[in-house]
């Protein structure tokens, strides 16, 4: 069994993957462009373990002459051509259940840092411990209880964020047009049918939806104009969901109070990107209003191991035992062409 890892994101050997697939031969590359991978690596692979850098388009799928499965490390699969893979009999799976608590905690931590002014206090006191000894400096300080906390996307992570927000006294509401009615009935939070209706009432918006053609640029000028003035936007999902130029303009106008972004449309960002450049100015006018982190919400040593092991185990289960989990292109196969899913609830 040969497993191709075209864009490995770790140094050294695939030791964690080998724990799930001890008999496999791993073909490891650290590339971002499919053309950097020899055709022989694609053609020899029985399965592909894919990180976020490598696209699998139709041309690449044509090279996967032996592969039966592609597994994404993580939740998003927007860089994989699901239809092209299905046409070649290749199932595409993701790994949605590895860092749920880490991402939910990161989102809440960003909200707490902005609302409690931790970044402002830390910066002011590091610059001047005496002049910076001011409790009234944070621009977004508010009591948490009673504020409306809106969640976009109520999958695994969205639900985890909701329970944490509720524990702090937030009034949790959500918008998720894809949620099944049985799941809606089980949730104790108020649901909004449309995003704009929810935005008009929310003090904080936390984004937990996947990146699709419908959500690309979902938070742009139109959304920010309808958002409750002074609200905070947090994105720990995918960068292109938020138009950062529109966000910067909305903060400048005072329409949006501030934001916490763990993901950006380009990663790592261009230092000359207007939002990044404004964030870097010493001292930045965005101090206390913007927090950036380097697509790290998913990370802890424990979640890192879970991610790598579970992705490899998904390949093992399918290739060795014909057991399928978290398949995201099942709908493109003929009914009955694939084994029943063990876990069809993606987050």
C-alpha atoms as a PDB file:
ATOM      1  CA  UNK A   1       0.000   0.000   0.000  1.00  0.00           C
ATOM      2  CA  UNK A   2       1.486   3.355  -1.077  1.00  0.00           C
ATOM      3  CA  UNK A   3       0.261   6.565   0.504  1.00  0.00           C
ATOM      4  CA  UNK A   4       1.194   9.913  -1.052  1.00  0.00           C
ATOM      5  CA  UNK A   5       1.555  12.986   1.147  1.00  0.00           C
ATOM      6  CA  UNK A   6       2.173  15.771  -1.403  1.00  0.00           C
ATOM      7  CA  UNK A   7       2.276  18.789   0.929  1.00  0.00           C
ATOM      8  CA  UNK A   8       3.408  17.499   4.316  1.00  0.00           C
ATOM      9  CA  UNK A   9       3.261  20.175   7.019  1.00  0.00           C
ATOM     10  CA  UNK A  10       5.639  18.641   9.536  1.00  0.00           C
ATOM     11  CA  UNK A  11       9.386  17.957   9.618  1.00  0.00           C
ATOM     12  CA  UNK A  12      10.789  14.473   9.664  1.00  0.00           C
ATOM     13  CA  UNK A  13       9.089  11.166   8.993  1.00  0.00           C
ATOM     14  CA  UNK A  14       5.353  10.383   8.917  1.00  0.00           C
ATOM     15  CA  UNK A  15       5.703   8.569  12.221  1.00  0.00           C
ATOM     16  CA  UNK A  16       2.201   9.297  13.499  1.00  0.00           C
ATOM     17  CA  UNK A  17       0.651   8.215  10.187  1.00  0.00           C
ATOM     18  CA  UNK A  18       2.711   5.024  10.326  1.00  0.00           C
ATOM     19  CA  UNK A  19       1.085   4.125  13.647  1.00  0.00           C
ATOM     20  CA  UNK A  20      -2.235   3.882  11.812  1.00  0.00           C
ATOM     21  CA  UNK A  21      -0.713   2.336   8.662  1.00  0.00           C
ATOM     22  CA  UNK A  22       2.362   0.375   9.785  1.00  0.00           C
ATOM     23  CA  UNK A  23       2.533  -1.661   6.573  1.00  0.00           C
ATOM     24  CA  UNK A  24       2.271   1.319   4.197  1.00  0.00           C
ATOM     25  CA  UNK A  25       4.994   2.896   2.090  1.00  0.00           C
ATOM     26  CA  UNK A  26       4.747   6.690   2.410  1.00  0.00           C
ATOM     27  CA  UNK A  27       5.720   8.964  -0.480  1.00  0.00           C
ATOM     28  CA  UNK A  28       6.355  12.316   1.174  1.00  0.00           C
ATOM     29  CA  UNK A  29       6.726  15.681  -0.583  1.00  0.00           C
ATOM     30  CA  UNK A  30       6.560  19.206   0.777  1.00  0.00           C
ATOM     31  CA  UNK A  31       5.253  21.069  -2.249  1.00  0.00           C
ATOM     32  CA  UNK A  32       2.474  23.533  -3.008  1.00  0.00           C
ATOM     33  CA  UNK A  33       2.242  23.153  -6.783  1.00  0.00           C
ATOM     34  CA  UNK A  34       1.132  19.820  -8.309  1.00  0.00           C
ATOM     35  CA  UNK A  35       3.780  20.271 -11.004  1.00  0.00           C
ATOM     36  CA  UNK A  36       6.447  19.973  -8.312  1.00  0.00           C
ATOM     37  CA  UNK A  37       5.339  16.379  -7.688  1.00  0.00           C
ATOM     38  CA  UNK A  38       6.670  13.717 -10.112  1.00  0.00           C
ATOM     39  CA  UNK A  39       3.946  12.005 -12.105  1.00  0.00           C
ATOM     40  CA  UNK A  40       5.218   8.700 -10.763  1.00  0.00           C
ATOM     41  CA  UNK A  41       4.332   9.776  -7.209  1.00  0.00           C
ATOM     42  CA  UNK A  42       0.754  10.498  -8.225  1.00  0.00           C
ATOM     43  CA  UNK A  43       0.345   7.373 -10.334  1.00  0.00           C
ATOM     44  CA  UNK A  44       1.760   4.940  -7.732  1.00  0.00           C
ATOM     45  CA  UNK A  45      -0.424   6.119  -4.858  1.00  0.00           C
ATOM     46  CA  UNK A  46      -3.251   3.954  -3.514  1.00  0.00           C
ATOM     47  CA  UNK A  47      -4.347   6.846  -1.292  1.00  0.00           C
ATOM     48  CA  UNK A  48      -3.532  10.512  -0.745  1.00  0.00           C
ATOM     49  CA  UNK A  49      -3.187  12.325   2.578  1.00  0.00           C
ATOM     50  CA  UNK A  50      -3.706  15.980   1.738  1.00  0.00           C
ATOM     51  CA  UNK A  51      -2.922  19.103   3.734  1.00  0.00           C
ATOM     52  CA  UNK A  52      -4.197  22.582   2.830  1.00  0.00           C
ATOM     53  CA  UNK A  53      -1.572  23.695   0.311  1.00  0.00           C
ATOM     54  CA  UNK A  54      -2.006  21.224  -2.549  1.00  0.00           C
ATOM     55  CA  UNK A  55      -4.973  21.471  -4.944  1.00  0.00           C
ATOM     56  CA  UNK A  56      -6.447  18.329  -6.456  1.00  0.00           C
ATOM     57  CA  UNK A  57      -7.970  19.542  -9.710  1.00  0.00           C
ATOM     58  CA  UNK A  58      -9.078  17.543 -12.736  1.00  0.00           C
ATOM     59  CA  UNK A  59      -5.556  17.396 -14.171  1.00  0.00           C
ATOM     60  CA  UNK A  60      -4.191  15.983 -10.931  1.00  0.00           C
ATOM     61  CA  UNK A  61      -7.082  13.545 -10.591  1.00  0.00           C
ATOM     62  CA  UNK A  62      -6.166  12.184 -14.042  1.00  0.00           C
ATOM     63  CA  UNK A  63      -2.763  11.219 -12.640  1.00  0.00           C
ATOM     64  CA  UNK A  64      -4.259   9.256  -9.732  1.00  0.00           C
ATOM     65  CA  UNK A  65      -4.639   6.060 -11.724  1.00  0.00           C
ATOM     66  CA  UNK A  66      -4.433   3.721  -8.697  1.00  0.00           C
ATOM     67  CA  UNK A  67      -5.828   5.868  -5.903  1.00  0.00           C
ATOM     68  CA  UNK A  68      -9.152   5.007  -4.339  1.00  0.00           C
ATOM     69  CA  UNK A  69      -9.262   7.670  -1.630  1.00  0.00           C
ATOM     70  CA  UNK A  70      -8.127  11.229  -0.850  1.00  0.00           C
ATOM     71  CA  UNK A  71      -8.292  12.338   2.783  1.00  0.00           C
ATOM     72  CA  UNK A  72      -7.969  15.959   3.864  1.00  0.00           C
ATOM     73  CA  UNK A  73      -6.169  16.753   7.081  1.00  0.00           C
ATOM     74  CA  UNK A  74      -8.843  19.050   8.489  1.00  0.00           C
ATOM     75  CA  UNK A  75     -12.376  20.078   7.666  1.00  0.00           C
ATOM     76  CA  UNK A  76     -12.175  22.180   4.483  1.00  0.00           C
ATOM     77  CA  UNK A  77     -12.066  20.520   1.080  1.00  0.00           C
ATOM     78  CA  UNK A  78     -12.614  23.464  -1.258  1.00  0.00           C
ATOM     79  CA  UNK A  79      -9.318  22.837  -3.082  1.00  0.00           C
ATOM     80  CA  UNK A  80     -10.368  19.327  -4.142  1.00  0.00           C
ATOM     81  CA  UNK A  81     -12.438  18.774  -7.302  1.00  0.00           C
ATOM     82  CA  UNK A  82     -15.009  16.396  -5.840  1.00  0.00           C
ATOM     83  CA  UNK A  83     -16.649  15.652  -9.171  1.00  0.00           C
ATOM     84  CA  UNK A  84     -13.397  14.845 -10.958  1.00  0.00           C
ATOM     85  CA  UNK A  85     -12.448  12.459  -8.156  1.00  0.00           C
ATOM     86  CA  UNK A  86     -15.849  10.764  -8.156  1.00  0.00           C
ATOM     87  CA  UNK A  87     -15.674  10.246 -11.929  1.00  0.00           C
ATOM     88  CA  UNK A  88     -12.493   8.263 -11.321  1.00  0.00           C
ATOM     89  CA  UNK A  89     -13.954   6.278  -8.437  1.00  0.00           C
ATOM     90  CA  UNK A  90     -11.974   8.185  -5.817  1.00  0.00           C
ATOM     91  CA  UNK A  91     -13.731   8.969  -2.551  1.00  0.00           C
ATOM     92  CA  UNK A  92     -12.835  12.232  -0.814  1.00  0.00           C
ATOM     93  CA  UNK A  93     -13.008  12.408   2.966  1.00  0.00           C
ATOM     94  CA  UNK A  94     -12.205  15.055   5.530  1.00  0.00           C
ATOM     95  CA  UNK A  95     -11.214  14.903   9.203  1.00  0.00           C
ATOM     96  CA  UNK A  96     -13.733  17.033  11.089  1.00  0.00           C
ATOM     97  CA  UNK A  97     -13.349  15.589  14.574  1.00  0.00           C
ATOM     98  CA  UNK A  98      -9.801  16.363  15.656  1.00  0.00           C
ATOM     99  CA  UNK A  99      -9.664  19.904  17.096  1.00  0.00           C
ATOM    100  CA  UNK A 100     -13.223  20.879  17.925  1.00  0.00           C
ATOM    101  CA  UNK A 101     -12.523  22.110  21.438  1.00  0.00           C
ATOM    102  CA  UNK A 102      -9.349  23.923  20.381  1.00  0.00           C
ATOM    103  CA  UNK A 103     -11.118  25.960  17.674  1.00  0.00           C
ATOM    104  CA  UNK A 104     -14.121  26.713  19.869  1.00  0.00           C
ATOM    105  CA  UNK A 105     -11.854  27.779  22.724  1.00  0.00           C
ATOM    106  CA  UNK A 106      -9.769  29.946  20.386  1.00  0.00           C
ATOM    107  CA  UNK A 107     -12.867  31.754  19.119  1.00  0.00           C
ATOM    108  CA  UNK A 108     -14.080  32.424  22.650  1.00  0.00           C
ATOM    109  CA  UNK A 109     -10.574  33.510  23.703  1.00  0.00           C
ATOM    110  CA  UNK A 110     -10.522  36.101  20.913  1.00  0.00           C
ATOM    111  CA  UNK A 111     -13.896  37.443  22.033  1.00  0.00           C
ATOM    112  CA  UNK A 112     -12.815  37.608  25.671  1.00  0.00           C
ATOM    113  CA  UNK A 113      -9.527  39.295  24.808  1.00  0.00           C
ATOM    114  CA  UNK A 114     -11.303  42.007  22.803  1.00  0.00           C
ATOM    115  CA  UNK A 115     -14.181  42.508  25.224  1.00  0.00           C
ATOM    116  CA  UNK A 116     -11.909  42.475  28.297  1.00  0.00           C
ATOM    117  CA  UNK A 117      -9.143  44.503  26.669  1.00  0.00           C
ATOM    118  CA  UNK A 118      -6.288  42.109  27.390  1.00  0.00           C
ATOM    119  CA  UNK A 119      -4.335  43.070  24.288  1.00  0.00           C
ATOM    120  CA  UNK A 120      -4.670  46.766  25.056  1.00  0.00           C
ATOM    121  CA  UNK A 121      -3.537  46.351  28.648  1.00  0.00           C
ATOM    122  CA  UNK A 122      -0.565  44.196  27.644  1.00  0.00           C
ATOM    123  CA  UNK A 123       0.595  46.631  24.956  1.00  0.00           C
ATOM    124  CA  UNK A 124       0.201  49.764  27.086  1.00  0.00           C
ATOM    125  CA  UNK A 125       1.976  48.310  30.091  1.00  0.00           C
ATOM    126  CA  UNK A 126       4.827  46.943  27.991  1.00  0.00           C
ATOM    127  CA  UNK A 127       5.364  50.418  26.493  1.00  0.00           C
ATOM    128  CA  UNK A 128       5.108  52.349  29.759  1.00  0.00           C
ATOM    129  CA  UNK A 129       4.178  50.591  33.019  1.00  0.00           C
ATOM    130  CA  UNK A 130       3.266  53.884  34.698  1.00  0.00           C
ATOM    131  CA  UNK A 131       1.463  55.860  31.985  1.00  0.00           C
ATOM    132  CA  UNK A 132      -0.126  52.628  30.764  1.00  0.00           C
ATOM    133  CA  UNK A 133      -1.640  51.885  34.180  1.00  0.00           C
ATOM    134  CA  UNK A 134      -5.168  52.684  32.924  1.00  0.00           C
ATOM    135  CA  UNK A 135      -8.190  50.493  33.397  1.00  0.00           C
ATOM    136  CA  UNK A 136     -10.342  52.546  31.001  1.00  0.00           C
ATOM    137  CA  UNK A 137      -8.195  52.233  27.855  1.00  0.00           C
ATOM    138  CA  UNK A 138      -9.717  49.221  25.988  1.00  0.00           C
ATOM    139  CA  UNK A 139     -12.057  50.492  23.244  1.00  0.00           C
ATOM    140  CA  UNK A 140     -14.363  47.447  23.148  1.00  0.00           C
ATOM    141  CA  UNK A 141     -14.859  46.778  26.867  1.00  0.00           C
ATOM    142  CA  UNK A 142     -18.368  45.589  27.731  1.00  0.00           C
ATOM    143  CA  UNK A 143     -20.065  43.340  30.243  1.00  0.00           C
ATOM    144  CA  UNK A 144     -20.455  39.926  28.624  1.00  0.00           C
ATOM    145  CA  UNK A 145     -23.759  38.764  30.032  1.00  0.00           C
ATOM    146  CA  UNK A 146     -26.735  39.746  27.948  1.00  0.00           C
ATOM    147  CA  UNK A 147     -24.797  40.436  24.775  1.00  0.00           C
ATOM    148  CA  UNK A 148     -26.093  38.603  21.717  1.00  0.00           C
ATOM    149  CA  UNK A 149     -23.574  36.066  20.424  1.00  0.00           C
ATOM    150  CA  UNK A 150     -24.366  35.047  16.843  1.00  0.00           C
ATOM    151  CA  UNK A 151     -22.927  31.879  15.333  1.00  0.00           C
ATOM    152  CA  UNK A 152     -22.756  31.232  11.592  1.00  0.00           C
ATOM    153  CA  UNK A 153     -22.610  27.478  11.062  1.00  0.00           C
ATOM    154  CA  UNK A 154     -23.846  25.106  13.753  1.00  0.00           C
ATOM    155  CA  UNK A 155     -21.724  22.041  13.102  1.00  0.00           C
ATOM    156  CA  UNK A 156     -19.460  20.428  15.679  1.00  0.00           C
ATOM    157  CA  UNK A 157     -17.374  23.547  16.278  1.00  0.00           C
ATOM    158  CA  UNK A 158     -20.314  25.935  16.157  1.00  0.00           C
ATOM    159  CA  UNK A 159     -22.141  23.921  18.809  1.00  0.00           C
ATOM    160  CA  UNK A 160     -19.018  23.761  20.969  1.00  0.00           C
ATOM    161  CA  UNK A 161     -18.613  27.538  20.702  1.00  0.00           C
ATOM    162  CA  UNK A 162     -22.289  28.023  21.523  1.00  0.00           C
ATOM    163  CA  UNK A 163     -22.078  26.040  24.782  1.00  0.00           C
ATOM    164  CA  UNK A 164     -19.005  27.992  25.853  1.00  0.00           C
ATOM    165  CA  UNK A 165     -20.592  31.343  24.998  1.00  0.00           C
ATOM    166  CA  UNK A 166     -23.727  30.428  26.918  1.00  0.00           C
ATOM    167  CA  UNK A 167     -21.612  29.593  29.981  1.00  0.00           C
ATOM    168  CA  UNK A 168     -20.340  33.194  29.980  1.00  0.00           C
ATOM    169  CA  UNK A 169     -23.881  34.540  29.954  1.00  0.00           C
ATOM    170  CA  UNK A 170     -24.133  35.444  26.274  1.00  0.00           C
ATOM    171  CA  UNK A 171     -27.523  35.234  24.579  1.00  0.00           C
ATOM    172  CA  UNK A 172     -26.634  32.711  21.865  1.00  0.00           C
ATOM    173  CA  UNK A 173     -28.353  32.803  18.479  1.00  0.00           C
ATOM    174  CA  UNK A 174     -27.389  31.208  15.176  1.00  0.00           C
ATOM    175  CA  UNK A 175     -27.873  30.970  11.440  1.00  0.00           C
ATOM    176  CA  UNK A 176     -27.339  27.721   9.548  1.00  0.00           C
ATOM    177  CA  UNK A 177     -29.512  27.091   6.476  1.00  0.00           C
ATOM    178  CA  UNK A 178     -28.194  23.531   6.085  1.00  0.00           C
ATOM    179  CA  UNK A 179     -29.061  22.286   9.557  1.00  0.00           C
ATOM    180  CA  UNK A 180     -31.575  19.458   9.633  1.00  0.00           C
ATOM    181  CA  UNK A 181     -34.843  20.022  11.436  1.00  0.00           C
ATOM    182  CA  UNK A 182     -34.104  17.318  13.994  1.00  0.00           C
ATOM    183  CA  UNK A 183     -30.890  19.128  14.934  1.00  0.00           C
ATOM    184  CA  UNK A 184     -32.728  22.457  15.085  1.00  0.00           C
ATOM    185  CA  UNK A 185     -35.282  21.008  17.493  1.00  0.00           C
ATOM    186  CA  UNK A 186     -32.507  19.747  19.773  1.00  0.00           C
ATOM    187  CA  UNK A 187     -30.704  23.080  20.068  1.00  0.00           C
ATOM    188  CA  UNK A 188     -31.698  25.448  22.896  1.00  0.00           C
ATOM    189  CA  UNK A 189     -30.732  28.582  20.950  1.00  0.00           C
ATOM    190  CA  UNK A 190     -32.724  30.991  18.831  1.00  0.00           C
ATOM    191  CA  UNK A 191     -32.416  30.386  15.100  1.00  0.00           C
ATOM    192  CA  UNK A 192     -32.500  33.040  12.382  1.00  0.00           C
ATOM    193  CA  UNK A 193     -33.637  32.108   8.904  1.00  0.00           C
ATOM    194  CA  UNK A 194     -31.449  34.714   7.218  1.00  0.00           C
ATOM    195  CA  UNK A 195     -27.967  35.928   8.002  1.00  0.00           C
ATOM    196  CA  UNK A 196     -28.784  39.617   7.695  1.00  0.00           C
ATOM    197  CA  UNK A 197     -31.649  39.321  10.200  1.00  0.00           C
ATOM    198  CA  UNK A 198     -29.249  37.808  12.701  1.00  0.00           C
ATOM    199  CA  UNK A 199     -26.508  40.370  12.073  1.00  0.00           C
ATOM    200  CA  UNK A 200     -28.836  43.230  12.909  1.00  0.00           C
ATOM    201  CA  UNK A 201     -29.204  41.906  16.474  1.00  0.00           C
ATOM    202  CA  UNK A 202     -25.766  40.533  17.295  1.00  0.00           C
ATOM    203  CA  UNK A 203     -23.019  42.094  19.397  1.00  0.00           C
ATOM    204  CA  UNK A 204     -20.557  39.351  18.440  1.00  0.00           C
ATOM    205  CA  UNK A 205     -20.484  37.133  15.347  1.00  0.00           C
ATOM    206  CA  UNK A 206     -18.407  33.958  15.327  1.00  0.00           C
ATOM    207  CA  UNK A 207     -17.964  32.238  11.954  1.00  0.00           C
ATOM    208  CA  UNK A 208     -17.875  28.433  11.861  1.00  0.00           C
ATOM    209  CA  UNK A 209     -19.175  27.565   8.388  1.00  0.00           C
ATOM    210  CA  UNK A 210     -17.255  25.801   5.594  1.00  0.00           C
ATOM    211  CA  UNK A 211     -15.838  27.658   2.604  1.00  0.00           C
ATOM    212  CA  UNK A 212     -18.101  27.080  -0.402  1.00  0.00           C
ATOM    213  CA  UNK A 213     -19.196  29.082  -3.418  1.00  0.00           C
ATOM    214  CA  UNK A 214     -22.041  30.414  -1.248  1.00  0.00           C
ATOM    215  CA  UNK A 215     -19.862  31.463   1.697  1.00  0.00           C
ATOM    216  CA  UNK A 216     -16.907  32.889  -0.248  1.00  0.00           C
ATOM    217  CA  UNK A 217     -16.983  36.613   0.562  1.00  0.00           C
ATOM    218  CA  UNK A 218     -20.091  36.120   2.700  1.00  0.00           C
ATOM    219  CA  UNK A 219     -18.861  38.819   5.078  1.00  0.00           C
ATOM    220  CA  UNK A 220     -18.333  41.796   2.806  1.00  0.00           C
ATOM    221  CA  UNK A 221     -19.659  45.336   2.579  1.00  0.00           C
ATOM    222  CA  UNK A 222     -23.290  44.182   2.566  1.00  0.00           C
ATOM    223  CA  UNK A 223     -22.972  42.087   5.715  1.00  0.00           C
ATOM    224  CA  UNK A 224     -21.018  44.732   7.598  1.00  0.00           C
ATOM    225  CA  UNK A 225     -23.585  47.415   6.737  1.00  0.00           C
ATOM    226  CA  UNK A 226     -26.295  45.251   8.298  1.00  0.00           C
ATOM    227  CA  UNK A 227     -24.278  44.270  11.345  1.00  0.00           C
ATOM    228  CA  UNK A 228     -25.217  45.867  14.638  1.00  0.00           C
ATOM    229  CA  UNK A 229     -22.949  48.929  14.983  1.00  0.00           C
ATOM    230  CA  UNK A 230     -19.874  48.323  17.102  1.00  0.00           C
ATOM    231  CA  UNK A 231     -20.112  44.538  16.911  1.00  0.00           C
ATOM    232  CA  UNK A 232     -17.136  42.177  16.943  1.00  0.00           C
ATOM    233  CA  UNK A 233     -16.477  39.674  14.133  1.00  0.00           C
ATOM    234  CA  UNK A 234     -14.474  36.510  14.810  1.00  0.00           C
ATOM    235  CA  UNK A 235     -13.376  34.132  12.059  1.00  0.00           C
ATOM    236  CA  UNK A 236     -11.742  30.812  12.910  1.00  0.00           C
ATOM    237  CA  UNK A 237     -13.179  29.042   9.840  1.00  0.00           C
ATOM    238  CA  UNK A 238     -11.664  29.885   6.435  1.00  0.00           C
ATOM    239  CA  UNK A 239     -10.045  33.140   5.356  1.00  0.00           C
ATOM    240  CA  UNK A 240     -11.948  33.899   2.122  1.00  0.00           C
ATOM    241  CA  UNK A 241     -15.280  33.949   3.974  1.00  0.00           C
ATOM    242  CA  UNK A 242     -14.358  37.459   5.170  1.00  0.00           C
ATOM    243  CA  UNK A 243     -13.483  40.273   2.769  1.00  0.00           C
ATOM    244  CA  UNK A 244     -10.692  41.853   4.798  1.00  0.00           C
ATOM    245  CA  UNK A 245     -10.680  45.076   2.770  1.00  0.00           C
ATOM    246  CA  UNK A 246     -14.372  45.519   3.534  1.00  0.00           C
ATOM    247  CA  UNK A 247     -13.719  44.661   7.179  1.00  0.00           C
ATOM    248  CA  UNK A 248     -10.948  47.253   7.473  1.00  0.00           C
ATOM    249  CA  UNK A 249     -13.206  49.899   5.926  1.00  0.00           C
ATOM    250  CA  UNK A 250     -16.026  48.972   8.305  1.00  0.00           C
ATOM    251  CA  UNK A 251     -13.742  49.311  11.338  1.00  0.00           C
ATOM    252  CA  UNK A 252     -12.419  52.646  10.044  1.00  0.00           C
ATOM    253  CA  UNK A 253     -15.975  53.944   9.687  1.00  0.00           C
ATOM    254  CA  UNK A 254     -16.902  52.698  13.144  1.00  0.00           C
ATOM    255  CA  UNK A 255     -19.477  50.344  11.689  1.00  0.00           C
ATOM    256  CA  UNK A 256     -17.630  47.313  13.110  1.00  0.00           C
ATOM    257  CA  UNK A 257     -16.049  47.592  16.537  1.00  0.00           C
ATOM    258  CA  UNK A 258     -13.279  45.086  15.989  1.00  0.00           C
ATOM    259  CA  UNK A 259     -12.361  41.611  14.860  1.00  0.00           C
ATOM    260  CA  UNK A 260     -10.433  38.468  15.720  1.00  0.00           C
ATOM    261  CA  UNK A 261      -9.085  36.645  12.681  1.00  0.00           C
ATOM    262  CA  UNK A 262      -7.287  33.325  12.864  1.00  0.00           C
ATOM    263  CA  UNK A 263      -7.526  32.867   9.095  1.00  0.00           C
ATOM    264  CA  UNK A 264      -6.871  35.200   6.170  1.00  0.00           C
ATOM    265  CA  UNK A 265      -7.577  35.021   2.416  1.00  0.00           C
ATOM    266  CA  UNK A 266      -3.824  34.675   1.780  1.00  0.00           C
ATOM    267  CA  UNK A 267      -1.674  32.702   4.201  1.00  0.00           C
ATOM    268  CA  UNK A 268       0.910  33.747   5.192  1.00  0.00           C
ATOM    269  CA  UNK A 269      -0.348  37.259   4.409  1.00  0.00           C
ATOM    270  CA  UNK A 270       1.296  39.820   2.194  1.00  0.00           C
ATOM    271  CA  UNK A 271       2.884  42.399   4.555  1.00  0.00           C
ATOM    272  CA  UNK A 272       1.560  45.143   2.250  1.00  0.00           C
ATOM    273  CA  UNK A 273      -2.036  43.954   2.497  1.00  0.00           C
ATOM    274  CA  UNK A 274      -3.914  47.024   3.820  1.00  0.00           C
ATOM    275  CA  UNK A 275      -5.331  45.271   6.875  1.00  0.00           C
ATOM    276  CA  UNK A 276      -2.008  43.618   7.762  1.00  0.00           C
ATOM    277  CA  UNK A 277      -0.092  46.851   7.165  1.00  0.00           C
ATOM    278  CA  UNK A 278      -2.472  48.785   9.427  1.00  0.00           C
ATOM    279  CA  UNK A 279      -2.144  46.087  12.094  1.00  0.00           C
ATOM    280  CA  UNK A 280       1.643  46.396  12.033  1.00  0.00           C
ATOM    281  CA  UNK A 281       1.898  50.182  12.383  1.00  0.00           C
ATOM    282  CA  UNK A 282       3.592  51.093  15.691  1.00  0.00           C
ATOM    283  CA  UNK A 283       1.414  51.983  17.484  1.00  0.00           C
ATOM    284  CA  UNK A 284      -1.500  50.817  15.348  1.00  0.00           C
ATOM    285  CA  UNK A 285      -4.827  52.618  15.439  1.00  0.00           C
ATOM    286  CA  UNK A 286      -6.236  49.082  15.424  1.00  0.00           C
ATOM    287  CA  UNK A 287      -4.787  48.349  18.869  1.00  0.00           C
ATOM    288  CA  UNK A 288      -7.515  46.794  20.967  1.00  0.00           C
ATOM    289  CA  UNK A 289      -9.717  46.369  17.905  1.00  0.00           C
ATOM    290  CA  UNK A 290      -7.985  43.641  15.925  1.00  0.00           C
ATOM    291  CA  UNK A 291      -6.350  40.339  16.874  1.00  0.00           C
ATOM    292  CA  UNK A 292      -4.607  38.151  14.303  1.00  0.00           C
ATOM    293  CA  UNK A 293      -3.334  34.622  14.847  1.00  0.00           C
ATOM    294  CA  UNK A 294      -1.569  32.386  12.292  1.00  0.00           C
ATOM    295  CA  UNK A 295      -4.283  29.821  11.438  1.00  0.00           C
ATOM    296  CA  UNK A 296      -3.529  28.273  14.802  1.00  0.00           C
ATOM    297  CA  UNK A 297      -6.995  27.810  16.309  1.00  0.00           C
ATOM    298  CA  UNK A 298      -6.912  24.083  15.608  1.00  0.00           C
ATOM    299  CA  UNK A 299      -3.581  23.529  17.288  1.00  0.00           C
ATOM    300  CA  UNK A 300      -2.541  21.794  20.454  1.00  0.00           C
ATOM    301  CA  UNK A 301      -0.061  18.920  20.681  1.00  0.00           C
ATOM    302  CA  UNK A 302      -3.030  16.642  21.322  1.00  0.00           C
ATOM    303  CA  UNK A 303      -5.110  17.857  18.382  1.00  0.00           C
ATOM    304  CA  UNK A 304      -2.053  17.711  16.094  1.00  0.00           C
ATOM    305  CA  UNK A 305      -1.625  14.024  16.820  1.00  0.00           C
ATOM    306  CA  UNK A 306      -5.362  13.380  16.475  1.00  0.00           C
ATOM    307  CA  UNK A 307      -5.414  15.108  13.100  1.00  0.00           C
ATOM    308  CA  UNK A 308      -2.588  13.089  11.627  1.00  0.00           C
ATOM    309  CA  UNK A 309      -3.610   9.746  13.109  1.00  0.00           C
ATOM    310  CA  UNK A 310      -7.314  10.041  12.268  1.00  0.00           C
ATOM    311  CA  UNK A 311      -6.643  11.066   8.672  1.00  0.00           C
ATOM    312  CA  UNK A 312      -4.384   8.055   8.171  1.00  0.00           C
ATOM    313  CA  UNK A 313      -6.884   5.797   9.956  1.00  0.00           C
ATOM    314  CA  UNK A 314      -9.593   6.917   7.517  1.00  0.00           C
ATOM    315  CA  UNK A 315      -7.452   5.650   4.633  1.00  0.00           C
ATOM    316  CA  UNK A 316      -6.689   2.419   6.489  1.00  0.00           C
ATOM    317  CA  UNK A 317     -10.334   1.711   7.244  1.00  0.00           C
ATOM    318  CA  UNK A 318     -11.392   2.177   3.629  1.00  0.00           C
ATOM    319  CA  UNK A 319      -8.548   0.451   1.808  1.00  0.00           C
ATOM    320  CA  UNK A 320      -8.223  -2.495   4.202  1.00  0.00           C
ATOM    321  CA  UNK A 321     -11.716  -2.961   5.616  1.00  0.00           C
ATOM    322  CA  UNK A 322     -14.026  -1.140   3.171  1.00  0.00           C
ATOM    323  CA  UNK A 323     -15.270   1.104   5.975  1.00  0.00           C
ATOM    324  CA  UNK A 324     -15.966   4.713   5.035  1.00  0.00           C
ATOM    325  CA  UNK A 325     -16.046   7.777   7.290  1.00  0.00           C
ATOM    326  CA  UNK A 326     -16.702  11.453   6.590  1.00  0.00           C
ATOM    327  CA  UNK A 327     -17.040  11.117   2.813  1.00  0.00           C
ATOM    328  CA  UNK A 328     -17.754  14.519   1.253  1.00  0.00           C
ATOM    329  CA  UNK A 329     -18.392  13.420  -2.366  1.00  0.00           C
ATOM    330  CA  UNK A 330     -20.699  10.475  -1.696  1.00  0.00           C
ATOM    331  CA  UNK A 331     -23.545  12.345  -3.392  1.00  0.00           C
ATOM    332  CA  UNK A 332     -21.660  12.154  -6.700  1.00  0.00           C
ATOM    333  CA  UNK A 333     -21.591   8.337  -6.722  1.00  0.00           C
ATOM    334  CA  UNK A 334     -24.455   6.093  -7.794  1.00  0.00           C
ATOM    335  CA  UNK A 335     -26.651   5.016  -4.918  1.00  0.00           C
ATOM    336  CA  UNK A 336     -25.223   1.908  -3.288  1.00  0.00           C
ATOM    337  CA  UNK A 337     -21.832   2.276  -4.954  1.00  0.00           C
ATOM    338  CA  UNK A 338     -20.106   2.996  -1.640  1.00  0.00           C
ATOM    339  CA  UNK A 339     -20.241   1.227   1.734  1.00  0.00           C
ATOM    340  CA  UNK A 340     -22.448   2.736   4.438  1.00  0.00           C
ATOM    341  CA  UNK A 341     -20.794   5.532   6.363  1.00  0.00           C
ATOM    342  CA  UNK A 342     -19.756   4.994   9.932  1.00  0.00           C
ATOM    343  CA  UNK A 343     -19.803   8.721  10.600  1.00  0.00           C
ATOM    344  CA  UNK A 344     -21.799  10.881   8.233  1.00  0.00           C
ATOM    345  CA  UNK A 345     -22.109  13.851  10.577  1.00  0.00           C
ATOM    346  CA  UNK A 346     -19.525  16.345   9.394  1.00  0.00           C
ATOM    347  CA  UNK A 347     -18.825  19.425  11.474  1.00  0.00           C
END
